[in-house]
C-alpha cells in the first residue's frame, strides 16, 4: 500500500506547490496570435530552483538552437575549459636536399575554428624543416571523429548552415561558388575556399553547367570528390555560399594549394592514417574550449556545436558514430546529475538543434540550465553584444520554421536574477512543412516567416512582462 500511495502523494504535493502562469500572460499570448497550448515556459530562482511561474512545463517543444546551451555545458564539463583542438602534420621517411622521401600526413583533431590561416601556420613549420617536395604520398587523416555529409537531412541542399562534419574541417566547411559569362562565351564557374587569408581554388569540388530546367544548384553523386550542377538563370547573383559534404578532402586540397603557392610541391591528397613510426613535424592549436563555447553561444554556428559535442561524447564513449548517438551520450551525462527531473520525452538528435525532430520540455531545459553552472551562464550573449535582447537578459535563442525558443537568465525590475526557459511551437504547421519538404527550395515559406515574426513579438512581450512584474 505504501508503494502505491507514494507516487500519488508526490503528485498531490506537486499540485499543491505548482507555480501559476505569469499574470496577464494569456492576454499577451492571444494578442500575438497564439493559442495557449502552443506556448510553454518556466521562470525560476537560479539558486534554489523554486519555480515562480510556468505554463505547460512538462510539454515537449522543439528547442532549435537552444540545444547548443546544454551541449556546450556538457562539453565543458567533460573536456574542461582549457581543452584545445590540435591539427598536426606528420612525416615518414627521410629528408634529403629538401625532398621528403616518405609520406606527409595532415591530421585533423576536430578544431571547429580551423581556417586557412591555421594551415599557413603548419606550412611555416614545414618550410622551417626545409621540406620543398614530398616524393611519397600526401595523406589526410580525419579518423578522430566520424565524417558525416551533413548535419540534418531535412534542410535545403544549398543551406550553408547544414554542412558536412568531420575531424578535419576548414573555414566552417562552406565554399563560394562564383561564375562569370563573357559575351558569346559559355558560363565559367569556380569553387573557392575563402578566409581572411584569401581565396584558393577548391579542387575537390567540380561544377557542371546545366542548360535544362533543373534547380539552380543541385548536388550530384561523385566518387572522387564533390560535384554540383549549376543552372545559370537571369537575375541570379554571381556568387553563392554552399555547404561542403566531404570536409577532410576539401581541407587537404586547400593545404596543397597553399603549399604550392609557397613553393612546396605535394602530390594529390588521399585518405590515410598516421602510422606509429611517423614523426610530428608541425602543430596548430585552437583557442581554449571556453573561448570556442562562448563563440558558439554567441554566433550559433551549427558545425562548431556538432564538432565540440562529438569530441566530448567520444571522450565518454569512443564507439559513437552518429550525431544522434553523440547527443544521447551527452544528454544522459547531464540528466544523471538531476535525477529529480522528469526526463521522459527529452530527445536531442544532434548538438546544434538543427532538426525539427528534437524535443525538450521547459522543466528539462530549466534543469539543464541550472546544472550548467555560473561559468557557462556567463558565456551567454546579451544586449550589450548587439543581440536583440532587453537590458538584463542573457540568453541563447533558437529559431526554426514554426519553432522559437529562448533560455538563459533575466534580471527583474527589482534586481532579482532568474532563470528562464521559453518555447513556442506550432506542431501542426511544422509537420505539414516537413511532409512537403523540397530540398531544392532554399527560401523559408512566407507564412513561416510571418509566424516567426509573431513569435519574436511574443518573446519580447513576455520578457517585458516578466522583468516588470516578477
Protein backbone atom coordinates (compact mmCIF):
# COMPACT_ATOMS: atom_id res chain seq x y z
CA UNK A 1 0.00 0.00 0.00
CA UNK A 2 2.85 2.40 0.83
CA UNK A 3 4.35 1.72 -2.62
CA UNK A 4 1.04 2.54 -4.31
CA UNK A 5 0.40 5.68 -2.29
CA UNK A 6 3.86 7.18 -2.69
CA UNK A 7 3.52 8.42 -6.32
CA UNK A 8 0.00 9.70 -5.53
CA UNK A 9 1.30 11.73 -2.61
CA UNK A 10 4.07 13.09 -4.82
CA UNK A 11 1.55 14.22 -7.42
CA UNK A 12 -0.62 15.88 -4.76
CA UNK A 13 2.39 17.65 -3.30
CA UNK A 14 3.44 18.85 -6.73
CA UNK A 15 -0.07 20.14 -7.49
CA UNK A 16 -0.18 22.00 -4.18
CA UNK A 17 3.06 23.89 -4.83
CA UNK A 18 2.88 24.23 -8.64
CA UNK A 19 3.55 27.78 -9.73
CA UNK A 20 0.85 29.67 -11.62
CA UNK A 21 1.33 31.15 -15.04
CA UNK A 22 2.55 34.74 -15.18
CA UNK A 23 -0.17 37.36 -14.61
CA UNK A 24 -1.55 38.66 -17.92
CA UNK A 25 0.32 36.06 -19.98
CA UNK A 26 -2.94 34.84 -21.54
CA UNK A 27 -3.62 38.29 -22.94
CA UNK A 28 -0.05 38.60 -24.27
CA UNK A 29 -0.23 35.19 -25.96
CA UNK A 30 -3.60 35.90 -27.56
CA UNK A 31 -2.55 39.39 -28.67
CA UNK A 32 0.31 37.87 -30.66
CA UNK A 33 -1.98 35.36 -32.34
CA UNK A 34 -1.04 32.17 -30.46
CA UNK A 35 -3.05 29.58 -28.58
CA UNK A 36 -2.13 28.84 -25.01
CA UNK A 37 -1.24 25.22 -25.83
CA UNK A 38 1.44 26.38 -28.29
CA UNK A 39 3.47 28.10 -25.57
CA UNK A 40 5.48 26.73 -22.68
CA UNK A 41 7.84 28.29 -20.17
CA UNK A 42 9.41 28.02 -16.76
CA UNK A 43 10.59 31.02 -14.74
CA UNK A 44 12.58 30.05 -11.67
CA UNK A 45 15.04 31.09 -9.00
CA UNK A 46 18.52 30.17 -10.17
CA UNK A 47 19.85 29.31 -6.72
CA UNK A 48 17.01 27.34 -5.17
CA UNK A 49 15.26 26.15 -8.31
CA UNK A 50 11.93 27.40 -6.95
CA UNK A 51 9.52 27.87 -9.85
CA UNK A 52 7.92 31.32 -9.84
CA UNK A 53 5.76 31.00 -12.94
CA UNK A 54 5.19 28.34 -15.58
CA UNK A 55 3.00 27.28 -18.46
CA UNK A 56 2.92 23.70 -19.77
CA UNK A 57 6.26 22.97 -18.08
CA UNK A 58 6.19 19.25 -18.98
CA UNK A 59 5.10 19.53 -22.61
CA UNK A 60 7.88 18.77 -25.16
CA UNK A 61 8.71 21.58 -27.63
CA UNK A 62 11.22 21.97 -30.47
CA UNK A 63 14.32 23.53 -28.85
CA UNK A 64 16.09 24.65 -32.07
CA UNK A 65 19.45 26.27 -31.31
CA UNK A 66 18.73 26.44 -27.58
CA UNK A 67 20.05 22.85 -27.68
CA UNK A 68 23.53 24.35 -28.07
CA UNK A 69 23.47 25.54 -24.46
CA UNK A 70 23.32 22.11 -22.75
CA UNK A 71 25.71 20.76 -25.39
CA UNK A 72 28.35 23.36 -24.57
CA UNK A 73 27.80 22.90 -20.83
CA UNK A 74 28.30 19.14 -21.16
CA UNK A 75 31.39 19.54 -23.35
CA UNK A 76 32.99 21.97 -20.91
CA UNK A 77 32.33 19.53 -18.06
CA UNK A 78 33.76 16.55 -19.96
CA UNK A 79 36.74 18.13 -21.76
CA UNK A 80 37.46 21.07 -19.47
CA UNK A 81 37.52 24.80 -20.32
CA UNK A 82 41.23 24.69 -21.19
CA UNK A 83 40.90 21.89 -23.75
CA UNK A 84 42.36 22.72 -27.18
CA UNK A 85 41.90 21.00 -30.54
CA UNK A 86 45.09 20.08 -32.40
CA UNK A 87 45.69 19.97 -36.15
CA UNK A 88 49.02 18.36 -36.99
CA UNK A 89 51.43 17.40 -39.75
CA UNK A 90 53.36 14.13 -39.59
CA UNK A 91 56.11 12.73 -41.80
CA UNK A 92 57.64 9.36 -42.54
CA UNK A 93 60.89 8.54 -44.35
CA UNK A 94 63.95 10.74 -44.69
CA UNK A 95 64.66 14.29 -45.82
CA UNK A 96 67.41 14.84 -48.39
CA UNK A 97 68.13 18.14 -50.17
CA UNK A 98 64.61 19.44 -49.49
CA UNK A 99 62.87 16.25 -50.65
CA UNK A 100 60.89 14.15 -48.19
CA UNK A 101 61.37 10.55 -49.27
CA UNK A 102 58.28 9.35 -47.46
CA UNK A 103 54.72 10.43 -46.71
CA UNK A 104 53.30 13.68 -45.32
CA UNK A 105 50.08 13.33 -43.32
CA UNK A 106 47.70 16.14 -42.35
CA UNK A 107 45.71 15.04 -39.28
CA UNK A 108 42.56 16.76 -38.04
CA UNK A 109 41.71 16.91 -34.36
CA UNK A 110 38.19 18.30 -34.65
CA UNK A 111 39.10 22.00 -34.44
CA UNK A 112 35.84 23.90 -35.18
CA UNK A 113 37.75 27.14 -35.71
CA UNK A 114 40.40 25.95 -38.18
CA UNK A 115 40.86 28.36 -41.09
CA UNK A 116 43.34 28.76 -43.91
CA UNK A 117 45.44 30.84 -41.53
CA UNK A 118 45.93 27.73 -39.40
CA UNK A 119 47.11 25.80 -42.44
CA UNK A 120 49.59 28.59 -43.14
CA UNK A 121 50.95 28.15 -39.61
CA UNK A 122 51.51 24.45 -40.31
CA UNK A 123 53.12 25.24 -43.64
CA UNK A 124 55.52 27.67 -42.00
CA UNK A 125 56.80 24.94 -39.69
CA UNK A 126 57.12 22.60 -42.65
CA UNK A 127 59.24 25.15 -44.51
CA UNK A 128 61.39 25.67 -41.42
CA UNK A 129 62.34 22.00 -41.67
CA UNK A 130 63.45 22.62 -45.26
CA UNK A 131 60.84 20.44 -46.97
CA UNK A 132 60.24 21.66 -50.54
CA UNK A 133 58.80 18.48 -52.10
CA UNK A 134 57.17 15.24 -50.98
CA UNK A 135 58.25 12.24 -53.03
CA UNK A 136 55.86 9.87 -51.29
CA UNK A 137 52.16 10.36 -50.60
CA UNK A 138 50.22 13.28 -49.17
CA UNK A 139 47.57 11.81 -46.87
CA UNK A 140 44.84 13.34 -44.74
CA UNK A 141 43.71 11.66 -41.52
CA UNK A 142 40.19 12.53 -40.30
CA UNK A 143 39.80 9.46 -38.12
CA UNK A 144 39.50 11.32 -34.81
CA UNK A 145 35.77 11.86 -35.43
CA UNK A 146 33.18 10.30 -37.72
CA UNK A 147 32.83 12.18 -41.01
CA UNK A 148 29.21 12.90 -41.93
CA UNK A 149 27.97 14.54 -45.16
CA UNK A 150 25.51 16.89 -43.43
CA UNK A 151 24.03 17.73 -40.05
CA UNK A 152 20.34 17.29 -40.86
CA UNK A 153 18.74 15.62 -43.88
CA UNK A 154 15.66 17.82 -43.59
CA UNK A 155 17.34 21.02 -44.80
CA UNK A 156 17.65 22.60 -48.27
CA UNK A 157 20.60 21.35 -50.32
CA UNK A 158 22.11 24.83 -50.50
CA UNK A 159 21.86 25.64 -46.78
CA UNK A 160 25.32 26.87 -45.79
CA UNK A 161 24.46 26.18 -42.15
CA UNK A 162 23.95 22.44 -42.86
CA UNK A 163 27.48 21.38 -43.71
CA UNK A 164 29.42 18.15 -43.56
CA UNK A 165 31.03 17.32 -40.22
CA UNK A 166 34.49 15.85 -39.69
CA UNK A 167 37.69 15.95 -37.67
CA UNK A 168 39.41 17.88 -40.46
CA UNK A 169 37.09 20.82 -41.05
CA UNK A 170 38.19 24.11 -42.59
CA UNK A 171 36.63 27.56 -42.96
CA UNK A 172 33.40 26.27 -41.40
CA UNK A 173 33.01 23.77 -44.25
CA UNK A 174 31.50 26.24 -46.69
CA UNK A 175 32.72 27.21 -50.11
CA UNK A 176 31.94 30.01 -52.51
CA UNK A 177 30.74 29.19 -55.99
CA UNK A 178 31.27 32.12 -58.34
CA UNK A 179 30.67 32.39 -62.06
CA UNK A 180 31.18 34.71 -65.00
CA UNK A 181 29.77 34.88 -68.51
CA UNK A 182 31.63 36.78 -71.21
CA UNK A 183 29.67 37.91 -74.27
CA UNK A 184 29.15 34.96 -76.58
CA UNK A 185 31.00 32.62 -74.23
CA UNK A 186 29.72 29.79 -72.01
CA UNK A 187 29.40 30.31 -68.28
CA UNK A 188 32.57 29.64 -66.29
CA UNK A 189 32.08 28.59 -62.65
CA UNK A 190 34.72 28.06 -59.95
CA UNK A 191 34.60 26.77 -56.37
CA UNK A 192 36.66 28.70 -53.82
CA UNK A 193 37.70 28.17 -50.23
CA UNK A 194 37.60 31.60 -48.59
CA UNK A 195 39.05 33.05 -45.40
CA UNK A 196 40.79 36.23 -44.28
CA UNK A 197 43.96 34.74 -45.81
CA UNK A 198 42.40 34.94 -49.27
CA UNK A 199 40.62 32.74 -51.81
CA UNK A 200 42.02 29.45 -53.03
CA UNK A 201 40.53 27.27 -55.79
CA UNK A 202 38.82 24.24 -54.25
CA UNK A 203 39.92 21.31 -56.38
CA UNK A 204 37.75 18.77 -54.54
CA UNK A 205 34.55 20.37 -55.86
CA UNK A 206 33.55 20.04 -59.51
CA UNK A 207 30.86 22.08 -61.23
CA UNK A 208 28.63 21.01 -64.11
CA UNK A 209 26.83 23.69 -66.11
CA UNK A 210 23.24 22.65 -66.82
CA UNK A 211 21.03 24.14 -69.52
CA UNK A 212 17.80 22.30 -68.65
CA UNK A 213 15.13 23.36 -66.19
CA UNK A 214 16.74 21.89 -63.09
CA UNK A 215 17.13 23.79 -59.83
CA UNK A 216 19.87 26.45 -59.86
CA UNK A 217 22.13 24.43 -57.51
CA UNK A 218 21.91 20.65 -57.19
CA UNK A 219 24.41 18.29 -55.55
CA UNK A 220 25.44 15.35 -57.72
CA UNK A 221 26.83 11.99 -56.61
CA UNK A 222 30.58 11.74 -57.29
CA UNK A 223 33.09 9.04 -56.40
CA UNK A 224 36.19 11.21 -56.40
CA UNK A 225 35.03 14.30 -54.53
CA UNK A 226 32.03 16.59 -54.62
CA UNK A 227 30.10 17.82 -57.62
CA UNK A 228 27.37 20.41 -58.10
CA UNK A 229 25.13 21.01 -61.09
CA UNK A 230 24.67 24.73 -61.68
CA UNK A 231 21.91 26.07 -63.90
CA UNK A 232 22.53 29.79 -64.59
CA UNK A 233 19.40 31.94 -64.53
CA UNK A 234 18.80 35.64 -65.20
CA UNK A 235 18.82 37.77 -62.10
CA UNK A 236 20.84 35.30 -60.01
CA UNK A 237 23.84 36.81 -58.19
CA UNK A 238 27.32 35.99 -59.45
CA UNK A 239 28.35 34.10 -56.28
CA UNK A 240 26.74 31.91 -53.64
CA UNK A 241 27.85 30.10 -50.48
CA UNK A 242 27.30 26.33 -50.45
CA UNK A 243 28.00 23.55 -47.90
CA UNK A 244 30.78 21.00 -48.19
CA UNK A 245 29.91 17.34 -47.68
CA UNK A 246 33.48 15.93 -47.71
CA UNK A 247 35.35 18.33 -45.42
CA UNK A 248 38.53 16.30 -44.94
CA UNK A 249 39.23 16.01 -48.66
CA UNK A 250 38.48 19.71 -49.16
CA UNK A 251 40.85 20.79 -46.37
CA UNK A 252 43.64 18.62 -47.79
CA UNK A 253 43.20 20.16 -51.24
CA UNK A 254 43.35 23.66 -49.78
CA UNK A 255 46.56 22.79 -47.93
CA UNK A 256 48.04 21.50 -51.19
CA UNK A 257 47.14 24.80 -52.90
CA UNK A 258 48.59 26.84 -50.03
CA UNK A 259 51.79 24.78 -50.15
CA UNK A 260 52.04 25.18 -53.92
CA UNK A 261 51.83 28.95 -53.53
CA UNK A 262 54.74 28.81 -51.09
CA UNK A 263 56.88 26.65 -53.37
CA UNK A 264 56.23 23.31 -51.63
CA UNK A 265 55.17 20.57 -54.06
CA UNK A 266 52.70 17.96 -52.76
CA UNK A 267 51.03 15.10 -54.62
CA UNK A 268 47.23 14.91 -54.81
CA UNK A 269 45.77 14.09 -51.38
CA UNK A 270 44.38 10.70 -50.42
CA UNK A 271 42.79 9.43 -47.18
CA UNK A 272 45.03 7.61 -44.73
CA UNK A 273 46.12 7.21 -41.13
CA UNK A 274 49.16 8.47 -39.25
CA UNK A 275 51.38 5.40 -38.81
CA UNK A 276 53.07 4.72 -35.45
CA UNK A 277 56.53 5.44 -36.86
CA UNK A 278 55.59 8.90 -38.18
CA UNK A 279 57.27 11.99 -36.75
CA UNK A 280 55.31 15.06 -35.67
CA UNK A 281 56.59 17.99 -37.75
CA UNK A 282 54.02 20.75 -37.18
CA UNK A 283 51.25 21.60 -34.71
CA UNK A 284 48.42 24.14 -34.76
CA UNK A 285 46.30 24.50 -31.61
CA UNK A 286 42.86 26.07 -31.30
CA UNK A 287 41.89 28.59 -28.65
CA UNK A 288 40.69 27.08 -25.34
CA UNK A 289 37.29 25.41 -25.34
CA UNK A 290 35.85 28.11 -23.07
CA UNK A 291 36.54 30.66 -25.84
CA UNK A 292 35.11 28.39 -28.54
CA UNK A 293 31.98 27.62 -26.50
CA UNK A 294 31.44 31.33 -25.96
CA UNK A 295 31.59 31.85 -29.73
CA UNK A 296 29.10 29.03 -30.31
CA UNK A 297 26.60 30.55 -27.89
CA UNK A 298 27.00 33.98 -29.44
CA UNK A 299 27.19 33.17 -33.16
CA UNK A 300 25.24 29.88 -33.10
CA UNK A 301 27.44 28.13 -35.65
CA UNK A 302 26.00 24.66 -36.15
CA UNK A 303 29.21 22.97 -37.31
CA UNK A 304 31.13 24.22 -34.26
CA UNK A 305 28.46 22.89 -31.91
CA UNK A 306 28.49 19.47 -33.58
CA UNK A 307 32.29 19.14 -33.55
CA UNK A 308 32.58 20.15 -29.90
CA UNK A 309 29.71 17.88 -28.91
CA UNK A 310 31.16 14.95 -30.84
CA UNK A 311 34.57 15.38 -29.24
CA UNK A 312 33.04 15.36 -25.76
CA UNK A 313 30.81 12.36 -26.45
CA UNK A 314 33.69 10.37 -27.96
CA UNK A 315 35.69 11.05 -24.80
CA UNK A 316 32.91 9.31 -22.86
CA UNK A 317 32.17 6.64 -25.49
CA UNK A 318 34.67 6.13 -28.34
CA UNK A 319 32.16 3.97 -30.25
CA UNK A 320 29.89 6.94 -31.05
CA UNK A 321 29.46 7.26 -34.84
CA UNK A 322 26.37 9.43 -35.34
CA UNK A 323 25.18 12.80 -34.09
CA UNK A 324 22.11 11.20 -32.50
CA UNK A 325 24.28 8.77 -30.54
CA UNK A 326 26.58 11.60 -29.54
CA UNK A 327 23.72 13.79 -28.31
CA UNK A 328 22.25 10.87 -26.35
CA UNK A 329 25.58 10.24 -24.60
CA UNK A 330 25.94 13.87 -23.52
CA UNK A 331 22.27 14.18 -22.56
CA UNK A 332 22.49 11.14 -20.31
CA UNK A 333 25.63 12.51 -18.73
CA UNK A 334 23.82 15.71 -17.74
CA UNK A 335 20.49 14.06 -16.83
CA UNK A 336 22.18 11.80 -14.28
CA UNK A 337 23.08 14.92 -12.32
CA UNK A 338 19.41 15.87 -11.87
CA UNK A 339 17.53 12.65 -11.01
CA UNK A 340 14.64 14.64 -9.54
CA UNK A 341 13.72 15.94 -13.01
CA UNK A 342 11.30 14.02 -15.25
CA UNK A 343 13.38 13.32 -18.36
CA UNK A 344 10.63 11.49 -20.28
CA UNK A 345 10.12 12.96 -23.75
CA UNK A 346 13.59 14.51 -24.00
CA UNK A 347 15.06 13.81 -27.44
CA UNK A 348 18.06 15.61 -28.90
CA UNK A 349 19.17 14.26 -32.28
CA UNK A 350 22.27 16.46 -32.54
CA UNK A 351 24.17 19.16 -30.66
CA UNK A 352 23.26 22.20 -32.75
CA UNK A 353 19.47 21.98 -32.60
CA UNK A 354 19.27 21.93 -36.40
CA UNK A 355 16.38 19.48 -36.52
CA UNK A 356 12.62 19.58 -36.14
CA UNK A 357 12.79 16.12 -34.55
CA UNK A 358 14.36 17.20 -31.24
CA UNK A 359 12.09 17.78 -28.24
CA UNK A 360 12.56 19.27 -24.78
CA UNK A 361 10.24 20.45 -22.02
CA UNK A 362 10.59 23.77 -20.17
CA UNK A 363 11.28 21.86 -16.94
CA UNK A 364 14.04 19.84 -18.60
CA UNK A 365 15.66 22.95 -20.01
CA UNK A 366 15.41 24.59 -16.60
CA UNK A 367 17.23 21.64 -15.01
CA UNK A 368 19.93 21.71 -17.68
CA UNK A 369 20.29 25.46 -17.26
CA UNK A 370 20.75 25.18 -13.50
CA UNK A 371 23.19 22.30 -13.98
CA UNK A 372 25.28 24.33 -16.41
CA UNK A 373 26.64 26.46 -13.58
CA UNK A 374 27.58 30.15 -13.39
CA UNK A 375 30.71 29.77 -15.52
CA UNK A 376 28.64 28.59 -18.50
CA UNK A 377 25.84 31.12 -17.92
CA UNK A 378 28.47 33.87 -18.06
CA UNK A 379 29.18 32.86 -21.67
CA UNK A 380 25.63 33.65 -22.80
CA UNK A 381 25.11 36.68 -25.06
CA UNK A 382 23.15 39.79 -24.05
CA UNK A 383 22.00 43.10 -25.43
CA UNK A 384 25.46 44.59 -24.77
CA UNK A 385 26.81 42.45 -27.62
CA UNK A 386 24.39 43.56 -30.29
CA UNK A 387 21.78 40.89 -29.57
CA UNK A 388 18.10 41.77 -29.74
CA UNK A 389 17.54 41.39 -26.01
CA UNK A 390 16.20 43.73 -23.33
CA UNK A 391 18.75 45.01 -20.83
CA UNK A 392 19.47 42.41 -18.17
CA UNK A 393 18.69 39.40 -20.35
CA UNK A 394 21.47 36.98 -21.22
CA UNK A 395 20.19 34.01 -23.17
CA UNK A 396 20.58 31.59 -26.07
CA UNK A 397 17.86 31.86 -28.67
CA UNK A 398 16.68 29.22 -31.11
CA UNK A 399 14.78 29.59 -34.38
CA UNK A 400 13.36 27.15 -36.90
CA UNK A 401 10.30 27.46 -39.07
CA UNK A 402 7.34 27.25 -36.66
CA UNK A 403 9.60 26.91 -33.61
CA UNK A 404 11.05 29.61 -31.34
CA UNK A 405 12.92 29.20 -28.07
CA UNK A 406 14.93 31.16 -25.54
CA UNK A 407 16.82 30.07 -22.43
CA UNK A 408 19.11 31.91 -20.07
CA UNK A 409 18.81 34.48 -17.32
CA UNK A 410 16.99 37.76 -16.76
CA UNK A 411 17.19 40.46 -14.12
CA UNK A 412 13.83 41.78 -12.91
CA UNK A 413 12.99 45.42 -12.22
CA UNK A 414 13.67 44.88 -8.52
CA UNK A 415 17.09 43.34 -9.21
CA UNK A 416 16.36 39.62 -8.86
CA UNK A 417 18.21 37.30 -11.27
CA UNK A 418 16.02 34.49 -12.57
CA UNK A 419 16.39 31.58 -14.93
CA UNK A 420 14.04 31.17 -17.87
CA UNK A 421 13.17 28.52 -20.43
CA UNK A 422 10.67 29.65 -23.08
CA UNK A 423 9.32 27.72 -26.07
CA UNK A 424 6.65 28.20 -28.72
CA UNK A 425 5.99 25.57 -31.39
CA UNK A 426 3.25 25.05 -33.97
CA UNK A 427 3.40 21.26 -34.32
CA UNK A 428 0.70 21.10 -37.00
CA UNK A 429 2.31 23.62 -39.33
CA UNK A 430 5.77 22.15 -38.80
CA UNK A 431 4.60 18.62 -39.63
CA UNK A 432 2.86 19.88 -42.76
CA UNK A 433 6.01 21.71 -43.85
CA UNK A 434 8.20 18.64 -43.28
CA UNK A 435 5.77 16.43 -45.20
CA UNK A 436 6.11 18.60 -48.31
CA UNK A 437 9.82 19.39 -47.93
CA UNK A 438 11.56 20.08 -51.26
CA UNK A 439 15.31 20.25 -50.76
CA UNK A 440 15.74 22.26 -53.95
CA UNK A 441 13.97 25.24 -52.36
CA UNK A 442 16.14 27.30 -50.02
CA UNK A 443 13.67 30.02 -49.00
CA UNK A 444 11.52 29.71 -45.91
CA UNK A 445 7.79 29.93 -46.80
CA UNK A 446 6.33 33.44 -46.31
CA UNK A 447 3.77 32.15 -43.83
CA UNK A 448 6.56 30.63 -41.72
CA UNK A 449 8.42 33.95 -41.72
CA UNK A 450 5.23 35.69 -40.59
CA UNK A 451 4.81 33.12 -37.82
CA UNK A 452 8.35 33.73 -36.60
CA UNK A 453 7.77 37.49 -36.56
CA UNK A 454 4.81 36.91 -34.23
CA UNK A 455 6.88 34.51 -32.11
CA UNK A 456 9.61 37.11 -31.69
CA UNK A 457 6.99 39.67 -30.68
CA UNK A 458 5.54 37.23 -28.15
CA UNK A 459 9.01 36.57 -26.74
CA UNK A 460 9.71 40.30 -26.37
CA UNK A 461 6.34 40.96 -24.73
CA UNK A 462 6.70 38.11 -22.24
CA UNK A 463 10.24 39.21 -21.34
CA UNK A 464 8.99 42.73 -20.70
CA UNK A 465 6.15 41.36 -18.58
CA UNK A 466 8.43 39.14 -16.51
CA UNK A 467 11.02 41.86 -15.98
CA UNK A 468 8.38 44.33 -14.82
CA UNK A 469 6.13 42.13 -12.66
CA UNK A 470 8.11 39.19 -11.26
